[in-house]
């Protein structure tokens, strides 16, 4: 992500490298470090000019639902002329189940 890049997730904005590092560390701590989930994707990437679209997922890492999708979001990236991310939008398509 470029220094002026911004990520939009669930109504929250994360700006620049520092904001993104903080956001990724928090998400990792909540979902992956616990061993409950793996971050996966659906193997479908679409590119059109400076826009990239794909789906990210949290899949269960253990238990009877191992490998099943627990959460999913469509990601839309808008790139600059150098291929750096200017804007990163995560739109939830499958929310996490209630705990």
Protein backbone atom coordinates (compact mmCIF):
# COMPACT_ATOMS: atom_id res chain seq x y z
CA UNK A 1 0.00 0.00 0.00
CA UNK A 2 1.27 3.44 -0.78
CA UNK A 3 1.84 5.87 2.08
CA UNK A 4 -1.43 7.64 1.23
CA UNK A 5 -3.41 4.43 0.79
CA UNK A 6 -6.58 3.72 2.74
CA UNK A 7 -8.41 0.53 3.69
CA UNK A 8 -12.14 0.49 4.44
CA UNK A 9 -13.39 -2.38 6.64
CA UNK A 10 -16.80 -2.54 8.30
CA UNK A 11 -17.24 1.24 8.33
CA UNK A 12 -13.72 1.91 9.64
CA UNK A 13 -10.85 3.52 7.75
CA UNK A 14 -7.18 2.63 8.15
CA UNK A 15 -4.80 5.13 6.53
CA UNK A 16 -1.21 4.68 5.38
CA UNK A 17 1.37 2.09 6.38
CA UNK A 18 1.02 2.67 10.13
CA UNK A 19 -2.76 2.32 10.05
CA UNK A 20 -2.57 -0.84 8.00
CA UNK A 21 0.09 -2.44 10.22
CA UNK A 22 -2.08 -1.75 13.28
CA UNK A 23 -5.21 -3.13 11.59
CA UNK A 24 -3.50 -6.34 10.37
CA UNK A 25 -1.89 -6.98 13.76
CA UNK A 26 -5.24 -6.58 15.51
CA UNK A 27 -7.09 -8.85 13.05
CA UNK A 28 -4.35 -11.47 13.25
CA UNK A 29 -4.50 -11.42 17.05
CA UNK A 30 -8.28 -11.76 17.11
CA UNK A 31 -8.76 -14.43 14.48
CA UNK A 32 -5.59 -16.27 13.47
CA UNK A 33 -3.25 -16.27 16.48
CA UNK A 34 -5.95 -18.06 18.51
CA UNK A 35 -5.73 -21.01 16.13
CA UNK A 36 -9.48 -20.82 15.50
CA UNK A 37 -9.27 -19.72 11.85
CA UNK A 38 -7.09 -19.76 8.76
CA UNK A 39 -7.13 -16.94 6.22
CA UNK A 40 -7.96 -18.35 2.78
CA UNK A 41 -9.35 -17.16 -0.56
CA UNK A 42 -11.66 -18.50 -3.23
CA UNK A 43 -9.10 -18.70 -6.10
CA UNK A 44 -11.04 -16.21 -8.24
CA UNK A 45 -9.26 -12.95 -9.02
CA UNK A 46 -10.62 -10.41 -11.48
CA UNK A 47 -8.53 -7.53 -12.81
CA UNK A 48 -9.84 -4.61 -14.86
CA UNK A 49 -7.46 -1.72 -15.52
CA UNK A 50 -6.53 -0.42 -12.04
CA UNK A 51 -9.12 -2.46 -10.09
CA UNK A 52 -8.56 -5.93 -8.60
CA UNK A 53 -11.38 -8.01 -7.04
CA UNK A 54 -11.14 -11.22 -5.01
CA UNK A 55 -12.76 -12.90 -2.01
CA UNK A 56 -11.00 -13.50 1.30
CA UNK A 57 -12.28 -15.95 3.88
CA UNK A 58 -11.77 -17.11 7.43
CA UNK A 59 -12.10 -20.88 7.52
CA UNK A 60 -12.37 -22.96 10.66
CA UNK A 61 -8.94 -24.33 11.59
CA UNK A 62 -10.09 -27.05 13.98
CA UNK A 63 -13.08 -28.99 15.17
CA UNK A 64 -15.89 -30.63 13.23
CA UNK A 65 -16.19 -27.67 10.83
CA UNK A 66 -12.48 -27.60 9.85
CA UNK A 67 -12.11 -26.08 6.39
CA UNK A 68 -15.63 -24.60 6.26
CA UNK A 69 -15.98 -20.88 5.61
CA UNK A 70 -16.85 -18.95 8.78
CA UNK A 71 -16.61 -15.44 7.25
CA UNK A 72 -16.06 -14.01 3.79
CA UNK A 73 -15.58 -10.58 2.22
CA UNK A 74 -15.19 -9.28 -1.30
CA UNK A 75 -12.08 -7.17 -1.61
CA UNK A 76 -11.80 -4.41 -4.19
CA UNK A 77 -8.38 -2.82 -4.65
CA UNK A 78 -7.81 0.40 -6.58
CA UNK A 79 -4.17 0.65 -7.69
CA UNK A 80 -2.03 3.62 -8.64
CA UNK A 81 0.13 3.77 -11.77
CA UNK A 82 2.94 1.93 -9.96
CA UNK A 83 0.69 -0.92 -8.83
CA UNK A 84 0.49 0.24 -5.20
CA UNK A 85 -2.84 0.12 -3.40
CA UNK A 86 -4.62 3.47 -3.20
CA UNK A 87 -7.91 2.15 -1.85
CA UNK A 88 -8.80 -1.23 -0.35
CA UNK A 89 -12.47 -2.04 0.29
CA UNK A 90 -13.60 -5.11 2.27
CA UNK A 91 -17.34 -5.81 1.85
CA UNK A 92 -18.60 -8.61 4.07
CA UNK A 93 -20.68 -11.21 2.23
CA UNK A 94 -20.81 -13.80 5.03
CA UNK A 95 -20.62 -12.48 8.61
CA UNK A 96 -19.07 -14.50 11.43
CA UNK A 97 -21.67 -16.54 13.33
CA UNK A 98 -22.75 -15.31 16.74
CA UNK A 99 -20.48 -16.59 19.52
